[in-house]
C-alpha atoms as a PDB file:
ATOM      1  CA  MET A   1      15.561 -12.086 -18.452  1.00  0.00           C
ATOM      2  CA  SER A   2      12.984 -12.236 -21.231  1.00  0.00           C
ATOM      3  CA  LEU A   3      11.168  -9.189 -22.584  1.00  0.00           C
ATOM      4  CA  THR A   4       7.955 -10.589 -21.099  1.00  0.00           C
ATOM      5  CA  GLU A   5       9.490 -10.816 -17.631  1.00  0.00           C
ATOM      6  CA  ILE A   6      10.903  -7.288 -17.938  1.00  0.00           C
ATOM      7  CA  SER A   7       7.469  -6.049 -18.984  1.00  0.00           C
ATOM      8  CA  ASP A   8       5.816  -7.950 -16.122  1.00  0.00           C
ATOM      9  CA  ARG A   9       8.196  -6.420 -13.586  1.00  0.00           C
ATOM     10  CA  LEU A  10       7.595  -2.895 -14.918  1.00  0.00           C
ATOM     11  CA  GLU A  11       3.825  -3.397 -14.813  1.00  0.00           C
ATOM     12  CA  ILE A  12       4.026  -4.663 -11.226  1.00  0.00           C
ATOM     13  CA  GLN A  13       6.222  -1.696 -10.263  1.00  0.00           C
ATOM     14  CA  ASP A  14       3.607   0.649 -11.783  1.00  0.00           C
ATOM     15  CA  LEU A  15       0.924  -1.167  -9.794  1.00  0.00           C
ATOM     16  CA  LEU A  16       2.831  -0.550  -6.540  1.00  0.00           C
ATOM     17  CA  VAL A  17       3.124   3.142  -7.421  1.00  0.00           C
ATOM     18  CA  ASP A  18      -0.571   3.296  -8.373  1.00  0.00           C
ATOM     19  CA  TYR A  19      -1.463   2.068  -4.884  1.00  0.00           C
ATOM     20  CA  CYS A  20       0.632   4.786  -3.237  1.00  0.00           C
ATOM     21  CA  HIS A  21      -0.834   7.520  -5.437  1.00  0.00           C
ATOM     22  CA  ALA A  22      -4.395   6.308  -4.818  1.00  0.00           C
ATOM     23  CA  VAL A  23      -3.932   6.442  -1.041  1.00  0.00           C
ATOM     24  CA  ASP A  24      -1.908   9.665  -0.975  1.00  0.00           C
ATOM     25  CA  THR A  25      -4.476  11.469  -3.142  1.00  0.00           C
ATOM     26  CA  ARG A  26      -7.404   9.869  -1.294  1.00  0.00           C
ATOM     27  CA  SER A  27      -8.665   8.390  -4.576  1.00  0.00           C
ATOM     28  CA  TRP A  28     -10.224   5.332  -2.989  1.00  0.00           C
ATOM     29  CA  ASP A  29     -11.983   4.101  -6.140  1.00  0.00           C
ATOM     30  CA  ALA A  30      -8.604   3.970  -7.921  1.00  0.00           C
ATOM     31  CA  LEU A  31      -7.840   0.993  -5.675  1.00  0.00           C
ATOM     32  CA  ASP A  32     -10.296  -1.008  -7.799  1.00  0.00           C
ATOM     33  CA  ASP A  33      -7.613  -0.959 -10.531  1.00  0.00           C
ATOM     34  CA  VAL A  34      -4.898  -2.069  -8.102  1.00  0.00           C
ATOM     35  CA  PHE A  35      -6.511  -5.084  -6.414  1.00  0.00           C
ATOM     36  CA  THR A  36      -8.437  -8.092  -7.696  1.00  0.00           C
ATOM     37  CA  THR A  37     -12.127  -8.160  -6.791  1.00  0.00           C
ATOM     38  CA  ASP A  38     -11.467 -11.004  -4.313  1.00  0.00           C
ATOM     39  CA  ALA A  39      -8.311  -9.487  -2.771  1.00  0.00           C
ATOM     40  CA  VAL A  40      -7.617  -9.695   0.942  1.00  0.00           C
ATOM     41  CA  ILE A  41      -5.821  -6.664   2.409  1.00  0.00           C
ATOM     42  CA  ASP A  42      -4.333  -7.045   5.881  1.00  0.00           C
ATOM     43  CA  TYR A  43      -3.249  -3.890   7.735  1.00  0.00           C
ATOM     44  CA  THR A  44      -3.554  -5.416  11.225  1.00  0.00           C
ATOM     45  CA  GLU A  45       0.161  -5.301  12.135  1.00  0.00           C
ATOM     46  CA  MET A  46       0.042  -1.514  11.719  1.00  0.00           C
ATOM     47  CA  GLY A  47      -3.202  -1.148  13.682  1.00  0.00           C
ATOM     48  CA  GLY A  48      -5.641  -1.308  10.787  1.00  0.00           C
ATOM     49  CA  THR A  49      -8.171  -3.764   9.461  1.00  0.00           C
ATOM     50  CA  ARG A  50      -8.134  -6.965   7.432  1.00  0.00           C
ATOM     51  CA  GLY A  51     -10.728  -7.262   4.705  1.00  0.00           C
ATOM     52  CA  THR A  52     -11.915  -6.972   1.159  1.00  0.00           C
ATOM     53  CA  VAL A  53     -11.237  -4.083  -1.207  1.00  0.00           C
ATOM     54  CA  ALA A  54     -14.615  -2.530  -0.338  1.00  0.00           C
ATOM     55  CA  GLU A  55     -13.951  -2.876   3.400  1.00  0.00           C
ATOM     56  CA  THR A  56     -10.457  -1.443   2.993  1.00  0.00           C
ATOM     57  CA  LYS A  57     -11.709   1.532   0.998  1.00  0.00           C
ATOM     58  CA  LYS A  58     -14.266   2.240   3.744  1.00  0.00           C
ATOM     59  CA  PHE A  59     -11.585   1.966   6.441  1.00  0.00           C
ATOM     60  CA  LEU A  60      -9.216   4.298   4.591  1.00  0.00           C
ATOM     61  CA  ALA A  61     -11.989   6.820   3.895  1.00  0.00           C
ATOM     62  CA  GLU A  62     -12.755   6.928   7.633  1.00  0.00           C
ATOM     63  CA  VAL A  63      -9.208   6.941   9.011  1.00  0.00           C
ATOM     64  CA  MET A  64      -7.055   8.903   6.575  1.00  0.00           C
ATOM     65  CA  PRO A  65      -8.916  12.222   7.053  1.00  0.00           C
ATOM     66  CA  LEU A  66      -7.552  12.183  10.619  1.00  0.00           C
ATOM     67  CA  PHE A  67      -4.169  13.019   9.081  1.00  0.00           C
ATOM     68  CA  SER A  68      -3.407  16.342   7.410  1.00  0.00           C
ATOM     69  CA  GLY A  69      -0.647  14.845   5.294  1.00  0.00           C
ATOM     70  CA  PHE A  70       1.099  11.608   4.462  1.00  0.00           C
ATOM     71  CA  GLN A  71       3.342  10.074   1.828  1.00  0.00           C
ATOM     72  CA  HIS A  72       3.840   6.441   0.996  1.00  0.00           C
ATOM     73  CA  MET A  73       7.451   6.150  -0.139  1.00  0.00           C
ATOM     74  CA  ILE A  74       8.302   2.714  -1.511  1.00  0.00           C
ATOM     75  CA  SER A  75      11.623   1.219  -2.537  1.00  0.00           C
ATOM     76  CA  THR A  76      13.736  -1.909  -2.914  1.00  0.00           C
ATOM     77  CA  SER A  77      10.983  -4.169  -4.180  1.00  0.00           C
ATOM     78  CA  LYS A  78      11.956  -7.817  -4.467  1.00  0.00           C
ATOM     79  CA  VAL A  79       9.572  -9.326  -7.028  1.00  0.00           C
ATOM     80  CA  VAL A  80       9.587 -12.954  -8.175  1.00  0.00           C
ATOM     81  CA  VAL A  81       7.501 -13.621 -11.285  1.00  0.00           C
ATOM     82  CA  ASP A  82       6.276 -17.160 -11.970  1.00  0.00           C
ATOM     83  CA  GLY A  83       4.158 -17.159 -15.115  1.00  0.00           C
ATOM     84  CA  ASP A  84       0.841 -15.471 -14.354  1.00  0.00           C
ATOM     85  CA  THR A  85       1.547 -15.041 -10.642  1.00  0.00           C
ATOM     86  CA  ALA A  86       4.194 -13.217  -8.669  1.00  0.00           C
ATOM     87  CA  THR A  87       5.179 -12.417  -5.116  1.00  0.00           C
ATOM     88  CA  GLY A  88       6.792  -9.296  -3.814  1.00  0.00           C
ATOM     89  CA  LYS A  89       8.182  -7.614  -0.733  1.00  0.00           C
ATOM     90  CA  THR A  90       8.505  -3.819  -0.823  1.00  0.00           C
ATOM     91  CA  ILE A  91       9.767  -1.357   1.786  1.00  0.00           C
ATOM     92  CA  CYS A  92       7.444   1.527   2.673  1.00  0.00           C
ATOM     93  CA  HIS A  93       8.322   4.565   4.768  1.00  0.00           C
ATOM     94  CA  ASN A  94       5.190   6.545   5.598  1.00  0.00           C
ATOM     95  CA  PRO A  95       5.382   9.800   7.549  1.00  0.00           C
ATOM     96  CA  MET A  96       1.918  10.944   8.646  1.00  0.00           C
ATOM     97  CA  LEU A  97       0.982  14.413   9.973  1.00  0.00           C
ATOM     98  CA  ARG A  98      -1.735  15.138  12.486  1.00  0.00           C
ATOM     99  CA  THR A  99      -2.770  18.361  14.178  1.00  0.00           C
ATOM    100  CA  ALA A 100      -2.920  17.888  17.954  1.00  0.00           C
ATOM    101  CA  ASP A 101      -5.598  19.430  20.158  1.00  0.00           C
ATOM    102  CA  ASP A 102      -3.146  22.179  21.172  1.00  0.00           C
ATOM    103  CA  GLY A 103      -2.599  23.107  17.504  1.00  0.00           C
ATOM    104  CA  SER A 104       0.875  21.614  17.241  1.00  0.00           C
ATOM    105  CA  THR A 105       1.773  19.276  14.401  1.00  0.00           C
ATOM    106  CA  GLN A 106       2.527  15.674  15.270  1.00  0.00           C
ATOM    107  CA  VAL A 107       4.538  13.525  12.879  1.00  0.00           C
ATOM    108  CA  PHE A 108       4.161   9.755  12.983  1.00  0.00           C
ATOM    109  CA  LEU A 109       6.957   7.798  11.303  1.00  0.00           C
ATOM    110  CA  CYS A 110       5.774   4.387  10.115  1.00  0.00           C
ATOM    111  CA  GLY A 111       8.048   1.767   8.587  1.00  0.00           C
ATOM    112  CA  LEU A 112       6.706  -1.384   7.002  1.00  0.00           C
ATOM    113  CA  TRP A 113       7.015  -3.920   4.244  1.00  0.00           C
ATOM    114  CA  TYR A 114       4.250  -4.743   1.823  1.00  0.00           C
ATOM    115  CA  ARG A 115       4.123  -8.494   1.261  1.00  0.00           C
ATOM    116  CA  ASP A 116       2.085  -8.998  -1.886  1.00  0.00           C
ATOM    117  CA  ALA A 117       0.725 -11.785  -4.052  1.00  0.00           C
ATOM    118  CA  PHE A 118       0.124 -10.618  -7.616  1.00  0.00           C
ATOM    119  CA  VAL A 119      -1.869 -12.200 -10.408  1.00  0.00           C
ATOM    120  CA  ARG A 120      -2.119 -11.426 -14.103  1.00  0.00           C
ATOM    121  CA  THR A 121      -5.734 -10.657 -15.067  1.00  0.00           C
ATOM    122  CA  PRO A 122      -7.304  -9.759 -18.422  1.00  0.00           C
ATOM    123  CA  ALA A 123      -7.001  -6.108 -17.266  1.00  0.00           C
ATOM    124  CA  GLY A 124      -3.322  -6.509 -16.336  1.00  0.00           C
ATOM    125  CA  TRP A 125      -1.456  -7.290 -13.124  1.00  0.00           C
ATOM    126  CA  ARG A 126      -3.362  -6.867  -9.854  1.00  0.00           C
ATOM    127  CA  ILE A 127      -2.630  -7.430  -6.174  1.00  0.00           C
ATOM    128  CA  GLN A 128      -4.555 -10.475  -4.941  1.00  0.00           C
ATOM    129  CA  ALA A 129      -3.307 -10.336  -1.353  1.00  0.00           C
ATOM    130  CA  ARG A 130      -1.498  -7.647   0.611  1.00  0.00           C
ATOM    131  CA  HIS A 131      -0.085  -7.921   4.109  1.00  0.00           C
ATOM    132  CA  GLU A 132       1.518  -4.956   5.844  1.00  0.00           C
ATOM    133  CA  GLU A 133       4.401  -6.274   7.901  1.00  0.00           C
ATOM    134  CA  ARG A 134       5.529  -3.866  10.604  1.00  0.00           C
ATOM    135  CA  CYS A 135       9.208  -2.955  10.607  1.00  0.00           C
ATOM    136  CA  TYR A 136       9.123  -0.295  13.302  1.00  0.00           C
ATOM    137  CA  LEU A 137       6.398   1.127  15.436  1.00  0.00           C
ATOM    138  CA  PRO A 138       5.024   4.530  14.636  1.00  0.00           C
ATOM    139  CA  THR A 139       7.185   7.138  16.330  1.00  0.00           C
ATOM    140  CA  LEU A 140       5.565  10.385  17.401  1.00  0.00           C
ATOM    141  CA  LEU A 141       7.491  13.618  16.923  1.00  0.00           C
ATOM    142  CA  GLY A 142       5.976  16.906  18.092  1.00  0.00           C
ATOM    143  CA  THR A 143       6.767  20.150  16.278  1.00  0.00           C
END
């Protein structure tokens, strides 16, 4: 593996982490540094929307406040770099907390894969297309 490919892989890994941190800290504008301006983000398999970065930021800003806590935990990324483009498939486990009407805490366990198309831009690597592929349905646990 060349130094360039190693560097590319590390930059893409940082990009995947940047996405998780942006969502988990509700820093929606940070997603502008994760996706290309023409990116298509498809959350439909997990019950969300499909749209542009602006539409996705609006969706997340409306939906994520319904949850009192969440963490996007990613692992085992399989990334294939081909010059200035790359593809990747990354596991995500995402527990989400919600306070029920009776005051109890509900925990939703969501398992998915991110299927991404990456592109090298003058500002660095960005996600040009993201598709959330459902692995398992959200499971509700009451506490």
